Protein backbone atom coordinates (compact mmCIF):
# COMPACT_ATOMS: atom_id res chain seq x y z
CA MET A 1 -13.48 -9.97 12.98
CA SER A 2 -15.73 -8.47 10.37
CA GLY A 3 -15.34 -9.54 6.77
CA ASP A 4 -14.94 -5.92 5.75
CA ASN A 5 -12.04 -5.38 8.11
CA ALA A 6 -10.35 -8.55 6.91
CA GLU A 7 -10.50 -7.11 3.40
CA ARG A 8 -9.22 -3.69 4.48
CA LEU A 9 -6.14 -4.80 6.38
CA ILE A 10 -2.98 -5.50 4.36
CA VAL A 11 -0.12 -7.10 6.27
CA ALA A 12 3.29 -6.03 4.97
CA LEU A 13 5.71 -8.94 4.73
CA ASP A 14 8.67 -6.66 5.37
CA VAL A 15 11.08 -9.48 6.19
CA GLU A 16 14.34 -10.61 4.60
CA THR A 17 13.80 -14.26 3.69
CA TYR A 18 11.33 -16.76 2.28
CA GLU A 19 11.47 -18.73 5.54
CA LYS A 20 10.41 -15.77 7.68
CA ALA A 21 7.67 -14.86 5.21
CA SER A 22 6.43 -18.45 5.12
CA LYS A 23 6.05 -18.56 8.91
CA LEU A 24 4.09 -15.32 8.92
CA VAL A 25 1.83 -16.45 6.09
CA GLU A 26 1.09 -19.69 7.94
CA LEU A 27 0.28 -17.80 11.15
CA LEU A 28 -1.84 -15.08 9.58
CA SER A 29 -3.61 -16.71 6.63
CA PRO A 30 -6.60 -17.83 8.76
CA GLN A 31 -7.28 -14.17 9.65
CA VAL A 32 -6.19 -11.87 6.85
CA ARG A 33 -7.01 -11.58 3.15
CA TRP A 34 -4.17 -9.42 1.84
CA VAL A 35 -0.40 -9.39 2.25
CA LYS A 36 2.11 -7.01 0.73
CA VAL A 37 5.38 -8.07 -0.85
CA GLY A 38 7.82 -5.21 -1.32
CA SER A 39 11.09 -4.72 -3.14
CA GLN A 40 13.36 -6.14 -0.41
CA LEU A 41 11.69 -9.54 -0.21
CA PHE A 42 10.90 -9.75 -3.92
CA THR A 43 14.46 -8.86 -4.96
CA ARG A 44 15.85 -11.65 -2.81
CA GLU A 45 13.25 -14.36 -3.35
CA GLY A 46 11.67 -13.52 -6.70
CA PRO A 47 8.43 -14.99 -8.05
CA ARG A 48 8.42 -17.90 -5.61
CA ILE A 49 7.42 -15.55 -2.80
CA CYS A 50 4.36 -14.57 -4.82
CA GLU A 51 3.54 -18.24 -5.36
CA LEU A 52 3.73 -18.78 -1.58
CA VAL A 53 1.18 -16.02 -1.02
CA ARG A 54 -1.22 -17.17 -3.73
CA SER A 55 -1.00 -20.87 -2.79
CA SER A 56 -1.98 -19.91 0.76
CA GLY A 57 -5.23 -18.43 -0.53
CA LEU A 58 -4.20 -14.83 0.11
CA ASN A 59 -4.45 -11.81 -2.16
CA LEU A 60 -1.12 -10.38 -3.26
CA PHE A 61 -0.25 -6.70 -3.10
CA LEU A 62 2.98 -6.47 -5.11
CA ASP A 63 4.48 -3.17 -4.04
CA LEU A 64 7.38 -2.60 -6.42
CA LYS A 65 6.66 1.08 -7.13
CA PHE A 66 7.49 1.01 -10.83
CA HIS A 67 9.09 4.24 -12.02
CA ASP A 68 10.78 4.25 -15.42
CA ILE A 69 10.23 5.22 -19.04
CA PRO A 70 6.72 4.30 -20.24
CA ASN A 71 7.72 1.29 -22.36
CA THR A 72 9.73 -0.25 -19.53
CA VAL A 73 6.87 0.18 -17.07
CA TYR A 74 4.50 -1.38 -19.60
CA GLY A 75 6.74 -4.47 -19.73
CA ALA A 76 7.20 -4.58 -15.97
CA VAL A 77 3.46 -4.50 -15.35
CA ARG A 78 2.91 -7.26 -17.91
CA SER A 79 5.44 -9.40 -16.05
CA ALA A 80 3.92 -8.59 -12.65
CA LEU A 81 0.47 -9.59 -13.87
CA GLU A 82 1.78 -13.10 -14.56
CA LEU A 83 2.36 -13.38 -10.79
CA ASP A 84 -1.39 -12.97 -10.09
CA ALA A 85 -1.05 -9.80 -8.05
CA GLY A 86 -4.30 -8.17 -6.99
CA MET A 87 -2.68 -4.76 -6.44
CA LEU A 88 0.33 -3.14 -8.11
CA THR A 89 2.04 0.18 -7.44
CA LEU A 90 3.80 2.74 -9.61
CA HIS A 91 5.08 6.23 -8.87
CA THR A 92 2.65 8.87 -10.09
CA SER A 93 5.60 11.22 -10.55
CA GLY A 94 6.47 9.12 -13.61
CA GLY A 95 3.80 11.10 -15.41
CA THR A 96 0.62 10.54 -17.38
CA GLU A 97 2.17 8.66 -20.30
CA MET A 98 3.89 6.18 -17.99
CA ILE A 99 0.65 5.61 -16.07
CA ARG A 100 -1.32 5.04 -19.26
CA GLU A 101 1.19 2.48 -20.49
CA ALA A 102 0.81 0.62 -17.19
CA MET A 103 -2.95 0.69 -17.63
CA ARG A 104 -2.61 -0.56 -21.21
CA ALA A 105 -0.69 -3.57 -19.92
CA VAL A 106 -3.52 -4.38 -17.52
CA GLU A 107 -6.22 -3.94 -20.14
CA GLU A 108 -4.43 -6.12 -22.68
CA SER A 109 -4.00 -8.86 -20.08
CA GLY A 110 -7.75 -9.06 -19.48
CA LYS A 111 -7.11 -8.77 -15.73
CA ARG A 112 -8.97 -5.52 -15.20
CA GLN A 113 -9.81 -6.56 -11.63
CA VAL A 114 -6.20 -5.79 -10.69
CA MET A 115 -5.94 -2.49 -8.83
CA LEU A 116 -3.27 -0.13 -10.14
CA LEU A 117 -2.25 2.30 -7.41
CA GLY A 118 -0.27 5.50 -7.73
CA VAL A 119 2.31 6.20 -5.04
CA THR A 120 2.16 9.88 -4.14
CA VAL A 121 4.64 11.04 -1.46
CA LEU A 122 6.61 8.51 0.56
CA THR A 123 5.84 8.61 4.28
CA HIS A 124 9.46 9.19 5.35
CA LEU A 125 9.67 12.61 3.66
CA ARG A 126 9.55 15.81 5.73
CA ILE A 127 8.87 19.37 4.59
CA ASP A 128 12.63 20.00 4.61
CA ASP A 129 13.02 17.22 2.06
CA PHE A 130 10.59 18.96 -0.27
CA VAL A 131 12.84 22.01 -0.31
CA THR A 132 15.90 19.88 -1.05
CA LEU A 133 14.31 17.60 -3.64
CA PHE A 134 11.83 19.85 -5.39
CA SER A 135 12.91 23.40 -4.48
CA SER A 136 9.41 23.71 -3.08
CA THR A 137 8.02 24.83 0.26
CA CYS A 138 4.56 23.44 -0.41
CA ALA A 139 3.08 21.21 2.28
CA PRO A 140 3.16 17.44 1.68
CA ARG A 141 -0.64 17.38 1.41
CA GLU A 142 -0.52 19.81 -1.53
CA MET A 143 1.99 17.63 -3.36
CA VAL A 144 -0.06 14.51 -2.56
CA LEU A 145 -3.25 16.14 -3.86
CA ASN A 146 -1.55 17.21 -7.09
CA LEU A 147 -0.15 13.74 -7.73
CA ALA A 148 -3.40 12.01 -6.78
CA SER A 149 -5.31 14.28 -9.13
CA LEU A 150 -2.93 13.33 -11.94
CA ALA A 151 -3.41 9.64 -11.07
CA GLN A 152 -7.19 9.94 -11.14
CA GLN A 153 -7.22 11.85 -14.43
CA ALA A 154 -4.98 9.19 -15.98
CA GLY A 155 -7.43 6.50 -14.85
CA LEU A 156 -5.73 4.78 -11.94
CA ASP A 157 -7.91 2.88 -9.46
CA GLY A 158 -6.43 4.56 -6.41
CA VAL A 159 -3.41 5.99 -4.68
CA VAL A 160 -1.05 5.27 -1.82
CA ALA A 161 -0.95 8.15 0.66
CA SER A 162 -0.56 8.69 4.39
CA ALA A 163 -3.64 9.03 6.57
CA HIS A 164 -2.83 12.71 7.02
CA GLU A 165 -3.94 13.29 3.43
CA VAL A 166 -6.96 10.97 3.15
CA LYS A 167 -9.64 13.52 4.03
CA ILE A 168 -8.36 16.13 1.61
CA LEU A 169 -8.10 13.52 -1.15
CA LYS A 170 -11.63 12.24 -0.61
CA GLY A 171 -12.94 15.79 -0.30
CA HIS A 172 -11.39 17.02 -3.54
CA LEU A 173 -11.36 13.88 -5.69
CA GLY A 174 -14.39 11.95 -4.44
CA LYS A 175 -14.94 8.80 -2.42
CA ASP A 176 -14.59 6.48 -5.42
CA LEU A 177 -10.82 7.02 -5.47
CA LYS A 178 -9.35 4.22 -3.36
CA VAL A 179 -6.75 5.29 -0.81
CA VAL A 180 -4.29 2.76 0.58
CA THR A 181 -2.60 4.04 3.73
CA PRO A 182 0.82 2.88 4.98
CA GLY A 183 2.69 4.24 7.99
CA ILE A 184 0.43 2.63 10.59
CA ARG A 185 1.87 2.57 14.10
CA LEU A 186 0.60 1.99 17.64
CA GLU A 187 0.94 4.52 20.44
CA GLY A 188 4.17 4.26 22.37
CA GLU A 189 6.05 2.18 19.84
CA GLY A 190 9.71 2.75 20.41
CA GLY A 191 12.84 2.02 18.47
CA LYS A 192 14.26 3.31 15.25
CA ASP A 193 11.67 4.08 12.61
CA ASP A 194 12.25 5.65 9.22
CA GLN A 195 8.63 6.65 8.62
CA VAL A 196 7.60 10.14 9.68
CA ARG A 197 3.98 10.76 8.68
CA VAL A 198 2.45 7.94 10.72
CA VAL A 199 -0.90 7.40 12.48
CA THR A 200 -2.72 4.76 14.51
CA PRO A 201 -5.11 2.27 12.87
CA GLU A 202 -8.08 4.13 14.36
CA LYS A 203 -7.02 7.48 12.94
CA ALA A 204 -6.55 5.99 9.49
CA ILE A 205 -10.00 4.39 9.48
CA GLU A 206 -11.64 7.53 10.86
CA ALA A 207 -9.95 9.56 8.11
CA GLY A 208 -11.58 7.34 5.50
CA ALA A 209 -8.76 5.05 4.34
CA ASP A 210 -10.03 2.19 2.20
CA PHE A 211 -7.10 -0.07 3.11
CA ILE A 212 -4.44 0.18 5.79
CA VAL A 213 -1.00 -1.40 5.45
CA VAL A 214 0.44 -2.67 8.72
CA GLY A 215 3.92 -4.11 8.98
CA ARG A 216 6.01 -3.78 12.12
CA PRO A 217 3.15 -3.68 14.69
CA ILE A 218 2.16 -7.18 13.48
CA ILE A 219 5.24 -8.90 12.09
CA ALA A 220 7.57 -7.73 14.89
CA ALA A 221 5.12 -8.70 17.65
CA GLN A 222 5.83 -11.65 19.93
CA ASP A 223 2.50 -13.11 18.79
CA PRO A 224 1.65 -11.81 15.29
CA ALA A 225 -1.76 -13.50 15.26
CA LYS A 226 -2.81 -11.76 18.49
CA ALA A 227 -1.39 -8.48 17.24
CA CYS A 228 -3.50 -8.86 14.13
CA GLN A 229 -6.60 -9.41 16.24
CA ARG A 230 -5.85 -6.24 18.20
CA ILE A 231 -5.62 -4.28 14.96
CA PHE A 232 -9.02 -5.63 13.90
CA GLU A 233 -10.49 -4.61 17.26
CA ARG A 234 -9.15 -1.10 16.86
CA MET A 235 -10.52 -0.88 13.33
CA ARG A 236 -13.96 -1.94 14.58
CA SER A 237 -13.79 0.61 17.38
CA ALA A 238 -13.03 3.38 14.90
CA GLU A 239 -15.93 2.34 12.66
CA GLN A 240 -18.33 2.44 15.61
CA ARG A 241 -17.23 5.97 16.51
CA ASP A 242 -17.53 7.18 12.94
């Protein structure tokens, strides 16, 4: 695997318990550099799951999607920084003041290397949902671009957006804006899946994603380590075609 690809792949620990997460971390830590802890696992296991990740030599993406009044988000980010996360998320729809308070927490901590990422539009939402939620018929990419523009203007390091929007984001906002892409799936994956705007690893890399977040194709595989290697191979293949 290339060092670059190891840095660009984030494995989502979307499991229910510390024990399951611990097994995955043990299996995957020789290969990967980043793992993501989301609200399900963190709510159940708390800070000790972050300690597991950091003690294994991995970088922590703490994906709690903060969305509250500015002062509360400021305090939440301060607390998250004590867990040595390398990436944190907040909803850009919380507005400029909320984002700036999150940034103030990072700056005051002296941990400016931490990447603050703005969540744009969740990958399970369809156009019909936009009508229901926002009384809007605009395409998801328009909403994503608007929110990403707000995030950039407020000073965030990057955004979380599906691969369907990466090219338009890079084209309008520049290549310096980091884009983290969830919703990665392999062709022919069956079963129930709540994400709608999904793509393959190759398509995400070809679109220009800086990081891809992969959960089920790795953690639900019979052999997660081999599945991880296959993802790396597909990432390399996409880079060679680019």
